[in-house]
Structure formats: structure tokens, C-alpha cells
Amino acid sequence: MKIFTKITFILVVMTLFACGKESQMIKGTITNESQQPLQDVMVQVVGTDLYAKSKEDGSFMINTKKRGDELLFNLEGYKLYFYKLDKNTSPLEIELQKK
């Protein structure tokens, strides 16, 4: 019975480690065409309910579930901007264009 408990524990730990490895924290800064920081930009992982808003200095942080996710940057008065994540993406420097 002790061996079964140890094996179960090891499998649970390995599963949690594998799941945690897939997520990644993405950080970056959002500016306008004049390189001024943009506040309150909605940053969303496309196809999920994961989102964040940029701070006063234009910085943002969002945790994605897997590589290959696509981020959507949305602020009224600016064009929508999509960014496809790869394995070495953070920190991002995003420039939004006015409509």
C-alpha cells in the first residue's frame, strides 16, 4: 500500500509540473505612434476569458495557458492589434495605430 501511495504522489507532482510548464507570464509595454504609453488597453488571450489592462505607464502582464496563443490589444480610438505568441516573446513592445 505504501508503494501505491508513493507512486500516486509522484504522478500527481509530475502532472502538476507538466501543467505549470505550459503556462507563461507575458509582460510588455503598449504605446501609441508617438511612443507615449497607453493606459487601459484591454489585453485578451483570444478564445479565452483571460484578460488584463495596461497600467498608466503602458505596462501589462498576462498569464497564458500555452505557447501559440494569440493576444488581442483593444483600445477605443485605436485599431485592433493581434499578436501571435512564440516561445521567446516576453517582454513585448506593442505600438497601437489610431483609427
N, C-alpha and C. Protein backbone atom coordinates (compact mmCIF):
# COMPACT_ATOMS: atom_id res chain seq x y z
N MET A 1 0.82 -1.20 0.00
CA MET A 1 0.00 0.00 0.00
C MET A 1 0.86 1.26 0.00
N LYS A 2 2.00 1.22 0.72
CA LYS A 2 2.89 2.38 0.76
C LYS A 2 3.44 2.69 -0.63
N ILE A 3 3.77 1.67 -1.39
CA ILE A 3 4.32 1.87 -2.73
C ILE A 3 3.27 2.53 -3.62
N PHE A 4 2.04 2.07 -3.53
CA PHE A 4 0.95 2.67 -4.32
C PHE A 4 0.80 4.15 -3.99
N THR A 5 0.85 4.50 -2.72
CA THR A 5 0.72 5.89 -2.29
C THR A 5 1.88 6.73 -2.83
N LYS A 6 3.08 6.21 -2.77
CA LYS A 6 4.25 6.94 -3.27
C LYS A 6 4.16 7.15 -4.78
N ILE A 7 3.77 6.10 -5.49
CA ILE A 7 3.64 6.22 -6.95
C ILE A 7 2.57 7.24 -7.32
N THR A 8 1.43 7.19 -6.61
CA THR A 8 0.36 8.16 -6.86
C THR A 8 0.85 9.58 -6.60
N PHE A 9 1.56 9.78 -5.51
CA PHE A 9 2.09 11.11 -5.18
C PHE A 9 3.04 11.60 -6.27
N ILE A 10 3.93 10.75 -6.72
CA ILE A 10 4.89 11.12 -7.77
C ILE A 10 4.16 11.48 -9.06
N LEU A 11 3.15 10.71 -9.43
CA LEU A 11 2.38 11.00 -10.64
C LEU A 11 1.65 12.34 -10.54
N VAL A 12 1.09 12.63 -9.38
CA VAL A 12 0.39 13.91 -9.18
C VAL A 12 1.38 15.07 -9.30
N VAL A 13 2.53 14.97 -8.67
CA VAL A 13 3.54 16.02 -8.74
C VAL A 13 4.02 16.22 -10.17
N MET A 14 4.26 15.14 -10.89
CA MET A 14 4.71 15.25 -12.27
C MET A 14 3.65 15.89 -13.16
N THR A 15 2.39 15.56 -12.92
CA THR A 15 1.29 16.15 -13.69
C THR A 15 1.20 17.64 -13.43
N LEU A 16 1.28 18.04 -12.17
CA LEU A 16 1.23 19.47 -11.84
C LEU A 16 2.41 20.21 -12.45
N PHE A 17 3.59 19.62 -12.42
CA PHE A 17 4.77 20.24 -13.01
C PHE A 17 4.59 20.41 -14.51
N ALA A 18 4.07 19.39 -15.17
CA ALA A 18 3.86 19.45 -16.62
C ALA A 18 2.83 20.51 -16.98
N CYS A 19 1.77 20.63 -16.21
CA CYS A 19 0.75 21.65 -16.48
C CYS A 19 1.31 23.05 -16.27
N GLY A 20 2.09 23.23 -15.23
CA GLY A 20 2.67 24.54 -14.95
C GLY A 20 3.66 24.96 -16.01
N LYS A 21 4.32 24.02 -16.64
CA LYS A 21 5.31 24.33 -17.65
C LYS A 21 4.68 24.93 -18.90
N GLU A 22 3.43 24.61 -19.17
CA GLU A 22 2.75 25.10 -20.35
C GLU A 22 2.36 26.56 -20.23
N SER A 23 2.11 27.05 -19.02
CA SER A 23 1.71 28.44 -18.89
C SER A 23 2.94 29.34 -18.87
N GLN A 24 2.73 30.56 -19.30
CA GLN A 24 3.84 31.51 -19.29
C GLN A 24 3.31 32.91 -19.01
N MET A 25 4.09 33.68 -18.27
CA MET A 25 3.73 35.06 -17.96
C MET A 25 4.29 35.94 -19.07
N ILE A 26 3.42 36.70 -19.70
CA ILE A 26 3.82 37.62 -20.76
C ILE A 26 3.77 39.03 -20.19
N LYS A 27 4.86 39.75 -20.37
CA LYS A 27 4.95 41.15 -19.92
C LYS A 27 5.25 42.02 -21.13
N GLY A 28 4.88 43.27 -21.04
CA GLY A 28 5.19 44.17 -22.14
C GLY A 28 4.73 45.58 -21.88
N THR A 29 4.91 46.41 -22.89
CA THR A 29 4.53 47.82 -22.85
C THR A 29 3.77 48.16 -24.12
N ILE A 30 2.73 48.98 -23.96
CA ILE A 30 1.91 49.39 -25.09
C ILE A 30 2.03 50.90 -25.24
N THR A 31 2.35 51.34 -26.47
CA THR A 31 2.49 52.77 -26.75
C THR A 31 1.68 53.13 -27.99
N ASN A 32 1.56 54.45 -28.22
CA ASN A 32 0.95 54.92 -29.46
C ASN A 32 2.06 55.23 -30.46
N GLU A 33 1.67 55.82 -31.59
CA GLU A 33 2.65 56.10 -32.66
C GLU A 33 3.73 57.09 -32.22
N SER A 34 3.43 57.91 -31.21
CA SER A 34 4.39 58.89 -30.69
C SER A 34 5.21 58.32 -29.53
N GLN A 35 5.10 57.01 -29.31
CA GLN A 35 5.81 56.32 -28.23
C GLN A 35 5.35 56.75 -26.84
N GLN A 36 4.12 57.29 -26.75
CA GLN A 36 3.53 57.63 -25.46
C GLN A 36 2.82 56.39 -24.92
N PRO A 37 2.97 56.10 -23.62
CA PRO A 37 2.32 54.91 -23.06
C PRO A 37 0.80 55.02 -23.12
N LEU A 38 0.15 53.90 -23.35
CA LEU A 38 -1.31 53.85 -23.40
C LEU A 38 -1.85 53.09 -22.19
N GLN A 39 -2.75 53.73 -21.47
CA GLN A 39 -3.37 53.15 -20.28
C GLN A 39 -4.71 52.52 -20.64
N ASP A 40 -5.11 51.51 -19.89
CA ASP A 40 -6.42 50.85 -20.01
C ASP A 40 -6.64 50.12 -21.33
N VAL A 41 -5.56 49.70 -21.97
CA VAL A 41 -5.70 48.86 -23.16
C VAL A 41 -6.11 47.46 -22.68
N MET A 42 -7.16 46.91 -23.27
CA MET A 42 -7.60 45.56 -22.93
C MET A 42 -6.70 44.57 -23.68
N VAL A 43 -6.04 43.71 -22.93
CA VAL A 43 -5.18 42.66 -23.50
C VAL A 43 -5.87 41.33 -23.20
N GLN A 44 -6.26 40.62 -24.25
CA GLN A 44 -7.01 39.37 -24.07
C GLN A 44 -6.34 38.23 -24.81
N VAL A 45 -6.33 37.06 -24.18
CA VAL A 45 -5.91 35.84 -24.86
C VAL A 45 -7.10 35.40 -25.70
N VAL A 46 -6.95 35.43 -27.01
CA VAL A 46 -8.04 35.14 -27.94
C VAL A 46 -8.61 33.74 -27.67
N GLY A 47 -9.94 33.67 -27.61
CA GLY A 47 -10.62 32.39 -27.41
C GLY A 47 -10.73 31.97 -25.96
N THR A 48 -10.33 32.85 -25.03
CA THR A 48 -10.43 32.53 -23.60
C THR A 48 -11.06 33.72 -22.87
N ASP A 49 -11.24 33.54 -21.57
CA ASP A 49 -11.72 34.65 -20.75
C ASP A 49 -10.56 35.29 -19.97
N LEU A 50 -9.33 35.03 -20.39
CA LEU A 50 -8.15 35.63 -19.75
C LEU A 50 -7.89 37.00 -20.34
N TYR A 51 -7.80 38.00 -19.47
CA TYR A 51 -7.52 39.35 -19.95
C TYR A 51 -6.82 40.16 -18.87
N ALA A 52 -6.23 41.26 -19.30
CA ALA A 52 -5.58 42.21 -18.40
C ALA A 52 -5.74 43.60 -19.00
N LYS A 53 -5.47 44.63 -18.21
CA LYS A 53 -5.48 46.00 -18.71
C LYS A 53 -4.12 46.61 -18.46
N SER A 54 -3.71 47.46 -19.39
CA SER A 54 -2.41 48.12 -19.22
C SER A 54 -2.52 49.21 -18.15
N LYS A 55 -1.40 49.44 -17.48
CA LYS A 55 -1.32 50.45 -16.42
C LYS A 55 -1.03 51.82 -17.02
N GLU A 56 -0.91 52.81 -16.15
CA GLU A 56 -0.65 54.20 -16.58
C GLU A 56 0.62 54.32 -17.41
N ASP A 57 1.63 53.51 -17.09
CA ASP A 57 2.90 53.57 -17.83
C ASP A 57 2.88 52.69 -19.08
N GLY A 58 1.71 52.12 -19.42
CA GLY A 58 1.57 51.29 -20.60
C GLY A 58 1.96 49.84 -20.39
N SER A 59 2.42 49.50 -19.20
CA SER A 59 2.86 48.12 -18.94
C SER A 59 1.67 47.20 -18.69
N PHE A 60 1.88 45.93 -19.00
CA PHE A 60 0.86 44.92 -18.74
C PHE A 60 1.53 43.59 -18.45
N MET A 61 0.79 42.72 -17.78
CA MET A 61 1.21 41.34 -17.53
C MET A 61 -0.02 40.46 -17.70
N ILE A 62 0.16 39.35 -18.40
CA ILE A 62 -0.94 38.40 -18.57
C ILE A 62 -0.36 37.00 -18.61
N ASN A 63 -1.06 36.08 -17.97
CA ASN A 63 -0.62 34.69 -17.93
C ASN A 63 -1.38 33.92 -19.00
N THR A 64 -0.67 33.29 -19.92
CA THR A 64 -1.31 32.50 -20.96
C THR A 64 -1.21 31.02 -20.61
N LYS A 65 -2.08 30.24 -21.17
CA LYS A 65 -2.11 28.81 -20.87
C LYS A 65 -1.12 28.02 -21.69
N LYS A 66 -0.83 28.46 -22.91
CA LYS A 66 0.08 27.67 -23.76
C LYS A 66 0.75 28.55 -24.80
N ARG A 67 1.84 28.04 -25.31
CA ARG A 67 2.52 28.72 -26.41
C ARG A 67 1.64 28.64 -27.65
N GLY A 68 1.78 29.62 -28.51
CA GLY A 68 0.96 29.64 -29.72
C GLY A 68 -0.33 30.41 -29.54
N ASP A 69 -0.61 30.85 -28.31
CA ASP A 69 -1.79 31.67 -28.08
C ASP A 69 -1.65 32.98 -28.84
N GLU A 70 -2.78 33.63 -29.07
CA GLU A 70 -2.78 34.92 -29.75
C GLU A 70 -3.38 35.96 -28.80
N LEU A 71 -2.71 37.10 -28.71
CA LEU A 71 -3.20 38.19 -27.87
C LEU A 71 -3.91 39.22 -28.74
N LEU A 72 -4.98 39.79 -28.18
CA LEU A 72 -5.72 40.87 -28.83
C LEU A 72 -5.56 42.12 -27.96
N PHE A 73 -5.14 43.22 -28.58
CA PHE A 73 -4.99 44.50 -27.90
C PHE A 73 -6.10 45.41 -28.41
N ASN A 74 -6.90 45.95 -27.48
CA ASN A 74 -8.08 46.71 -27.87
C ASN A 74 -8.21 47.97 -27.01
N LEU A 75 -8.26 49.12 -27.68
CA LEU A 75 -8.49 50.40 -27.00
C LEU A 75 -9.31 51.27 -27.94
N GLU A 76 -10.38 51.86 -27.41
CA GLU A 76 -11.25 52.70 -28.23
C GLU A 76 -10.44 53.81 -28.89
N GLY A 77 -10.70 54.02 -30.19
CA GLY A 77 -9.99 55.03 -30.96
C GLY A 77 -8.75 54.51 -31.66
N TYR A 78 -8.40 53.24 -31.38
CA TYR A 78 -7.23 52.62 -31.99
C TYR A 78 -7.64 51.35 -32.74
N LYS A 79 -6.83 50.98 -33.73
CA LYS A 79 -7.08 49.75 -34.49
C LYS A 79 -6.81 48.54 -33.59
N LEU A 80 -7.61 47.49 -33.79
CA LEU A 80 -7.35 46.23 -33.09
C LEU A 80 -5.98 45.70 -33.51
N TYR A 81 -5.26 45.12 -32.57
CA TYR A 81 -3.93 44.58 -32.87
C TYR A 81 -3.86 43.16 -32.33
N PHE A 82 -3.51 42.21 -33.20
CA PHE A 82 -3.35 40.81 -32.82
C PHE A 82 -1.87 40.47 -32.81
N TYR A 83 -1.45 39.68 -31.82
CA TYR A 83 -0.05 39.27 -31.72
C TYR A 83 0.01 37.79 -31.38
N LYS A 84 0.64 37.00 -32.24
CA LYS A 84 0.79 35.55 -32.03
C LYS A 84 2.04 35.31 -31.18
N LEU A 85 1.88 34.57 -30.08
CA LEU A 85 2.98 34.31 -29.17
C LEU A 85 3.83 33.15 -29.66
N ASP A 86 5.15 33.28 -29.49
CA ASP A 86 6.03 32.14 -29.68
C ASP A 86 6.75 31.90 -28.36
N LYS A 87 7.75 31.03 -28.36
CA LYS A 87 8.35 30.66 -27.07
C LYS A 87 9.22 31.74 -26.44
N ASN A 88 9.69 32.71 -27.19
CA ASN A 88 10.56 33.76 -26.64
C ASN A 88 9.95 35.13 -26.90
N THR A 89 8.79 35.40 -26.32
CA THR A 89 8.09 36.62 -26.67
C THR A 89 8.17 37.74 -25.64
N SER A 90 8.45 37.44 -24.40
CA SER A 90 8.37 38.45 -23.36
C SER A 90 9.74 39.10 -23.14
N PRO A 91 9.85 40.40 -22.97
CA PRO A 91 8.79 41.41 -22.95
C PRO A 91 8.41 41.88 -24.36
N LEU A 92 7.15 42.21 -24.50
CA LEU A 92 6.63 42.70 -25.78
C LEU A 92 6.66 44.22 -25.81
N GLU A 93 6.84 44.78 -26.98
CA GLU A 93 6.69 46.22 -27.20
C GLU A 93 5.66 46.37 -28.30
N ILE A 94 4.46 46.80 -27.90
CA ILE A 94 3.33 46.88 -28.82
C ILE A 94 3.04 48.35 -29.11
N GLU A 95 2.88 48.67 -30.39
CA GLU A 95 2.52 50.03 -30.80
C GLU A 95 1.16 49.99 -31.49
N LEU A 96 0.19 50.70 -30.91
CA LEU A 96 -1.15 50.76 -31.49
C LEU A 96 -1.26 51.96 -32.42
N GLN A 97 -2.00 51.77 -33.50
CA GLN A 97 -2.22 52.82 -34.50
C GLN A 97 -3.62 53.39 -34.34
N LYS A 98 -3.75 54.71 -34.45
CA LYS A 98 -5.08 55.34 -34.38
C LYS A 98 -5.90 54.93 -35.59
N LYS A 99 -7.23 54.91 -35.40
CA LYS A 99 -8.15 54.57 -36.50
C LYS A 99 -8.18 55.68 -37.51
